[in-house]
Amino acid sequence: MNKVGYPEATAHVFSRMEIKLAGLTETRLTGNGELLLQDFSLIYSGGDKHVRGVALLVHNSIRQSLQTWNAISDRILTARFHHKHGHLTVVVVYAPVEASTNEDKDNFYSQLSSLTQAIPSHDRIVVLGDFNAVSGVDRTGYESVVGPFGHGTINDNSVRLLSYCSAFGLSMLGSWY
């Protein structure tokens, strides 16, 4: 997303696909802010270098529903929308890869857990992004998190993701794109 024309091209593709809200990872944008594109707003959170980064692409038809957004880090971004049934909090994440240190993974999940605890209990929560994990086919202990159609062999990142979802009553709807 940090190349000339990439945000516009991405927005054009999502517009053609009639996607109104999308979480993006590895955007490689620096700093944080909002880019106004033709049919979309691109809200982003990046670091000091062109690595990592997360963003939320919001179609103009729902942009007025956006109440607040918060750039937490180059791995986490939140946005809160108002709708006729209450509020929706969207969290966009880019988790450390499996080869990352336990300290990096612990810091990420600690920050994500603290953020999730701070979301008002009546909000609907959607977490989008790349957790660098799979749900696995063995759902023992995580039956409330993942349905009978899991995918792949679990690893450390998988256990961390499943535990996070379990702790906050979240369900995994997919672990591959």
C-alpha atoms as a PDB file:
ATOM      1  CA  MET A   1       0.000   0.000   0.000  1.00  0.00           C
ATOM      2  CA  ASN A   2       3.002   2.323   0.275  1.00  0.00           C
ATOM      3  CA  LYS A   3       3.548   2.517  -3.492  1.00  0.00           C
ATOM      4  CA  VAL A   4       2.030   5.217  -5.689  1.00  0.00           C
ATOM      5  CA  GLY A   5      -1.431   4.171  -6.858  1.00  0.00           C
ATOM      6  CA  TYR A   6      -1.752   1.066  -4.660  1.00  0.00           C
ATOM      7  CA  PRO A   7      -4.427   2.458  -2.304  1.00  0.00           C
ATOM      8  CA  GLU A   8      -6.503   3.648  -5.269  1.00  0.00           C
ATOM      9  CA  ALA A   9      -6.133   0.340  -7.118  1.00  0.00           C
ATOM     10  CA  THR A  10      -7.096  -1.601  -4.000  1.00  0.00           C
ATOM     11  CA  ALA A  11     -10.164   0.586  -3.470  1.00  0.00           C
ATOM     12  CA  HIS A  12     -11.140   0.103  -7.111  1.00  0.00           C
ATOM     13  CA  VAL A  13     -10.990  -3.700  -6.785  1.00  0.00           C
ATOM     14  CA  PHE A  14     -13.037  -3.699  -3.570  1.00  0.00           C
ATOM     15  CA  SER A  15     -15.566  -1.363  -5.171  1.00  0.00           C
ATOM     16  CA  ARG A  16     -15.962  -3.716  -8.145  1.00  0.00           C
ATOM     17  CA  MET A  17     -16.435  -6.617  -5.710  1.00  0.00           C
ATOM     18  CA  GLU A  18     -18.998  -4.539  -3.772  1.00  0.00           C
ATOM     19  CA  ILE A  19     -17.059  -4.963  -0.515  1.00  0.00           C
ATOM     20  CA  LYS A  20     -17.879  -2.125   1.886  1.00  0.00           C
ATOM     21  CA  LEU A  21     -15.505  -2.893   4.766  1.00  0.00           C
ATOM     22  CA  ALA A  22     -12.161  -4.690   4.663  1.00  0.00           C
ATOM     23  CA  GLY A  23      -9.255  -5.217   7.029  1.00  0.00           C
ATOM     24  CA  LEU A  24      -5.819  -5.070   5.391  1.00  0.00           C
ATOM     25  CA  THR A  25      -2.497  -6.285   6.754  1.00  0.00           C
ATOM     26  CA  GLU A  26       1.133  -5.785   5.766  1.00  0.00           C
ATOM     27  CA  THR A  27       0.201  -2.376   4.377  1.00  0.00           C
ATOM     28  CA  ARG A  28       3.722  -1.052   4.967  1.00  0.00           C
ATOM     29  CA  LEU A  29       2.438   2.480   5.526  1.00  0.00           C
ATOM     30  CA  THR A  30       4.229   4.658   8.061  1.00  0.00           C
ATOM     31  CA  GLY A  31       2.561   6.638  10.807  1.00  0.00           C
ATOM     32  CA  ASN A  32      -1.207   6.644  11.080  1.00  0.00           C
ATOM     33  CA  GLY A  33      -3.990   8.563   9.467  1.00  0.00           C
ATOM     34  CA  GLU A  34      -6.779   8.511   6.940  1.00  0.00           C
ATOM     35  CA  LEU A  35      -6.556   8.642   3.155  1.00  0.00           C
ATOM     36  CA  LEU A  36      -9.645   9.776   1.288  1.00  0.00           C
ATOM     37  CA  LEU A  37     -10.034   7.781  -1.900  1.00  0.00           C
ATOM     38  CA  GLN A  38     -12.789   7.953  -4.522  1.00  0.00           C
ATOM     39  CA  ASP A  39     -15.352   5.656  -2.858  1.00  0.00           C
ATOM     40  CA  PHE A  40     -13.492   4.780   0.338  1.00  0.00           C
ATOM     41  CA  SER A  41     -11.585   6.021   3.345  1.00  0.00           C
ATOM     42  CA  LEU A  42      -8.415   4.124   4.177  1.00  0.00           C
ATOM     43  CA  ILE A  43      -7.729   4.314   7.909  1.00  0.00           C
ATOM     44  CA  TYR A  44      -4.251   3.046   8.709  1.00  0.00           C
ATOM     45  CA  SER A  45      -1.818   2.380  11.515  1.00  0.00           C
ATOM     46  CA  GLY A  46       1.854   1.828  10.746  1.00  0.00           C
ATOM     47  CA  GLY A  47       5.234   2.115  12.345  1.00  0.00           C
ATOM     48  CA  ASP A  48       8.366   4.145  11.663  1.00  0.00           C
ATOM     49  CA  LYS A  49       9.483   1.898   8.794  1.00  0.00           C
ATOM     50  CA  HIS A  50       7.707   0.462   5.772  1.00  0.00           C
ATOM     51  CA  VAL A  51       7.097  -2.909   7.453  1.00  0.00           C
ATOM     52  CA  ARG A  52       3.974  -4.448   8.970  1.00  0.00           C
ATOM     53  CA  GLY A  53       1.045  -2.045   9.218  1.00  0.00           C
ATOM     54  CA  VAL A  54      -2.719  -2.547   9.328  1.00  0.00           C
ATOM     55  CA  ALA A  55      -5.586  -0.663   7.727  1.00  0.00           C
ATOM     56  CA  LEU A  56      -9.351  -0.589   7.441  1.00  0.00           C
ATOM     57  CA  LEU A  57     -10.943   0.250   4.107  1.00  0.00           C
ATOM     58  CA  VAL A  58     -14.359   1.851   4.744  1.00  0.00           C
ATOM     59  CA  HIS A  59     -16.806   2.559   1.927  1.00  0.00           C
ATOM     60  CA  ASN A  60     -18.267   6.064   1.881  1.00  0.00           C
ATOM     61  CA  SER A  61     -21.790   4.640   2.234  1.00  0.00           C
ATOM     62  CA  ILE A  62     -20.953   3.537   5.789  1.00  0.00           C
ATOM     63  CA  ARG A  63     -18.298   6.138   6.622  1.00  0.00           C
ATOM     64  CA  GLN A  64     -20.847   8.311   8.460  1.00  0.00           C
ATOM     65  CA  SER A  65     -21.425   5.388  10.860  1.00  0.00           C
ATOM     66  CA  LEU A  66     -17.789   5.495  11.965  1.00  0.00           C
ATOM     67  CA  GLN A  67     -17.699   7.091  15.418  1.00  0.00           C
ATOM     68  CA  THR A  68     -14.073   6.632  16.409  1.00  0.00           C
ATOM     69  CA  TRP A  69     -10.930   4.865  15.315  1.00  0.00           C
ATOM     70  CA  ASN A  70      -7.694   4.264  17.146  1.00  0.00           C
ATOM     71  CA  ALA A  71      -4.259   3.392  15.794  1.00  0.00           C
ATOM     72  CA  ILE A  72      -2.915   1.166  18.568  1.00  0.00           C
ATOM     73  CA  SER A  73       0.298  -0.007  16.890  1.00  0.00           C
ATOM     74  CA  ASP A  74       1.647  -1.192  13.552  1.00  0.00           C
ATOM     75  CA  ARG A  75      -0.119  -4.478  14.380  1.00  0.00           C
ATOM     76  CA  ILE A  76      -3.494  -3.341  15.781  1.00  0.00           C
ATOM     77  CA  LEU A  77      -6.149  -0.833  14.686  1.00  0.00           C
ATOM     78  CA  THR A  78      -9.700  -0.416  16.025  1.00  0.00           C
ATOM     79  CA  ALA A  79     -12.780   1.309  14.690  1.00  0.00           C
ATOM     80  CA  ARG A  80     -16.194   1.703  16.296  1.00  0.00           C
ATOM     81  CA  PHE A  81     -19.333   2.041  14.187  1.00  0.00           C
ATOM     82  CA  HIS A  82     -22.859   2.976  15.195  1.00  0.00           C
ATOM     83  CA  HIS A  83     -25.731   1.057  13.597  1.00  0.00           C
ATOM     84  CA  LYS A  84     -29.450   0.730  14.193  1.00  0.00           C
ATOM     85  CA  HIS A  85     -28.955  -2.139  16.655  1.00  0.00           C
ATOM     86  CA  GLY A  86     -26.115  -0.579  18.665  1.00  0.00           C
ATOM     87  CA  HIS A  87     -22.377  -0.557  18.056  1.00  0.00           C
ATOM     88  CA  LEU A  88     -19.877  -2.637  16.129  1.00  0.00           C
ATOM     89  CA  THR A  89     -16.209  -2.591  17.048  1.00  0.00           C
ATOM     90  CA  VAL A  90     -13.864  -3.781  14.310  1.00  0.00           C
ATOM     91  CA  VAL A  91     -10.303  -4.745  15.222  1.00  0.00           C
ATOM     92  CA  VAL A  92      -7.736  -5.229  12.460  1.00  0.00           C
ATOM     93  CA  VAL A  93      -4.652  -7.222  13.445  1.00  0.00           C
ATOM     94  CA  TYR A  94      -1.398  -8.517  12.049  1.00  0.00           C
ATOM     95  CA  ALA A  95       0.063 -11.021  14.515  1.00  0.00           C
ATOM     96  CA  PRO A  96       3.742 -11.953  14.748  1.00  0.00           C
ATOM     97  CA  VAL A  97       4.787 -14.907  12.588  1.00  0.00           C
ATOM     98  CA  GLU A  98       5.420 -18.340  14.108  1.00  0.00           C
ATOM     99  CA  ALA A  99       9.206 -17.795  14.108  1.00  0.00           C
ATOM    100  CA  SER A 100       8.885 -14.603  16.208  1.00  0.00           C
ATOM    101  CA  THR A 101      10.077 -14.585  19.798  1.00  0.00           C
ATOM    102  CA  ASN A 102       7.740 -15.564  22.603  1.00  0.00           C
ATOM    103  CA  GLU A 103       8.216 -12.040  23.966  1.00  0.00           C
ATOM    104  CA  ASP A 104       6.890 -10.475  20.732  1.00  0.00           C
ATOM    105  CA  LYS A 105       3.928 -12.860  20.700  1.00  0.00           C
ATOM    106  CA  ASP A 106       3.221 -12.291  24.398  1.00  0.00           C
ATOM    107  CA  ASN A 107       3.318  -8.508  23.919  1.00  0.00           C
ATOM    108  CA  PHE A 108       0.963  -8.690  20.924  1.00  0.00           C
ATOM    109  CA  TYR A 109      -1.605 -10.896  22.670  1.00  0.00           C
ATOM    110  CA  SER A 110      -1.347  -8.895  25.888  1.00  0.00           C
ATOM    111  CA  GLN A 111      -2.060  -5.685  23.995  1.00  0.00           C
ATOM    112  CA  LEU A 112      -4.885  -7.333  22.032  1.00  0.00           C
ATOM    113  CA  SER A 113      -6.423  -8.817  25.177  1.00  0.00           C
ATOM    114  CA  SER A 114      -6.297  -5.487  27.031  1.00  0.00           C
ATOM    115  CA  LEU A 115      -7.933  -3.780  24.078  1.00  0.00           C
ATOM    116  CA  THR A 116     -10.656  -6.447  23.830  1.00  0.00           C
ATOM    117  CA  GLN A 117     -11.416  -6.142  27.562  1.00  0.00           C
ATOM    118  CA  ALA A 118     -11.870  -2.384  27.118  1.00  0.00           C
ATOM    119  CA  ILE A 119     -14.529  -2.759  24.397  1.00  0.00           C
ATOM    120  CA  PRO A 120     -17.983  -2.068  25.834  1.00  0.00           C
ATOM    121  CA  SER A 121     -19.728  -5.356  26.621  1.00  0.00           C
ATOM    122  CA  HIS A 122     -22.783  -4.518  24.509  1.00  0.00           C
ATOM    123  CA  ASP A 123     -20.725  -3.955  21.316  1.00  0.00           C
ATOM    124  CA  ARG A 124     -20.564  -6.598  18.614  1.00  0.00           C
ATOM    125  CA  ILE A 125     -16.921  -7.409  17.939  1.00  0.00           C
ATOM    126  CA  VAL A 126     -15.346  -8.433  14.643  1.00  0.00           C
ATOM    127  CA  VAL A 127     -11.620  -9.159  14.554  1.00  0.00           C
ATOM    128  CA  LEU A 128     -10.124  -9.185  11.054  1.00  0.00           C
ATOM    129  CA  GLY A 129      -6.614  -9.776   9.900  1.00  0.00           C
ATOM    130  CA  ASP A 130      -3.714 -12.145   9.743  1.00  0.00           C
ATOM    131  CA  PHE A 131      -3.054 -14.111  12.904  1.00  0.00           C
ATOM    132  CA  ASN A 132      -0.403 -16.239  11.169  1.00  0.00           C
ATOM    133  CA  ALA A 133      -2.259 -19.257  12.539  1.00  0.00           C
ATOM    134  CA  VAL A 134      -4.707 -21.966  11.505  1.00  0.00           C
ATOM    135  CA  SER A 135      -7.688 -23.348  13.377  1.00  0.00           C
ATOM    136  CA  GLY A 136      -6.565 -26.963  13.137  1.00  0.00           C
ATOM    137  CA  VAL A 137      -8.771 -30.012  12.634  1.00  0.00           C
ATOM    138  CA  ASP A 138      -8.677 -31.144  16.281  1.00  0.00           C
ATOM    139  CA  ARG A 139     -11.068 -28.832  18.117  1.00  0.00           C
ATOM    140  CA  THR A 140     -10.797 -30.558  21.495  1.00  0.00           C
ATOM    141  CA  GLY A 141     -11.234 -27.897  24.148  1.00  0.00           C
ATOM    142  CA  TYR A 142     -12.156 -25.270  21.566  1.00  0.00           C
ATOM    143  CA  GLU A 143     -15.536 -26.554  20.352  1.00  0.00           C
ATOM    144  CA  SER A 144     -17.140 -23.179  21.078  1.00  0.00           C
ATOM    145  CA  VAL A 145     -14.443 -21.376  19.080  1.00  0.00           C
ATOM    146  CA  VAL A 146     -14.154 -23.347  15.856  1.00  0.00           C
ATOM    147  CA  GLY A 147     -16.731 -25.486  14.056  1.00  0.00           C
ATOM    148  CA  PRO A 148     -16.247 -28.943  12.561  1.00  0.00           C
ATOM    149  CA  PHE A 149     -14.439 -27.641   9.496  1.00  0.00           C
ATOM    150  CA  GLY A 150     -11.061 -26.639  10.879  1.00  0.00           C
ATOM    151  CA  HIS A 151      -7.989 -26.452   8.723  1.00  0.00           C
ATOM    152  CA  GLY A 152      -4.302 -27.347   9.052  1.00  0.00           C
ATOM    153  CA  THR A 153      -2.018 -28.471  11.847  1.00  0.00           C
ATOM    154  CA  ILE A 154      -1.945 -26.246  14.909  1.00  0.00           C
ATOM    155  CA  ASN A 155       1.247 -24.605  16.139  1.00  0.00           C
ATOM    156  CA  ASP A 156       2.104 -22.089  18.885  1.00  0.00           C
ATOM    157  CA  ASN A 157       0.334 -19.237  17.066  1.00  0.00           C
ATOM    158  CA  SER A 158      -2.746 -21.439  16.639  1.00  0.00           C
ATOM    159  CA  VAL A 159      -2.931 -22.189  20.360  1.00  0.00           C
ATOM    160  CA  ARG A 160      -2.539 -18.487  21.170  1.00  0.00           C
ATOM    161  CA  LEU A 161      -5.338 -17.544  18.755  1.00  0.00           C
ATOM    162  CA  LEU A 162      -7.686 -20.293  19.951  1.00  0.00           C
ATOM    163  CA  SER A 163      -7.027 -19.340  23.584  1.00  0.00           C
ATOM    164  CA  TYR A 164      -7.670 -15.652  22.850  1.00  0.00           C
ATOM    165  CA  CYS A 165     -10.964 -16.466  21.113  1.00  0.00           C
ATOM    166  CA  SER A 166     -12.009 -18.771  23.940  1.00  0.00           C
ATOM    167  CA  ALA A 167     -11.202 -16.204  26.620  1.00  0.00           C
ATOM    168  CA  PHE A 168     -13.405 -13.551  24.975  1.00  0.00           C
ATOM    169  CA  GLY A 169     -16.232 -15.719  23.661  1.00  0.00           C
ATOM    170  CA  LEU A 170     -15.230 -15.207  20.020  1.00  0.00           C
ATOM    171  CA  SER A 171     -15.713 -17.700  17.198  1.00  0.00           C
ATOM    172  CA  MET A 172     -13.369 -18.300  14.286  1.00  0.00           C
ATOM    173  CA  LEU A 173     -15.184 -18.091  10.984  1.00  0.00           C
ATOM    174  CA  GLY A 174     -12.192 -18.952   8.827  1.00  0.00           C
ATOM    175  CA  SER A 175      -8.475 -19.457   9.024  1.00  0.00           C
ATOM    176  CA  TRP A 176      -7.586 -19.293   5.358  1.00  0.00           C
ATOM    177  CA  TYR A 177      -8.376 -16.970   2.492  1.00  0.00           C
END
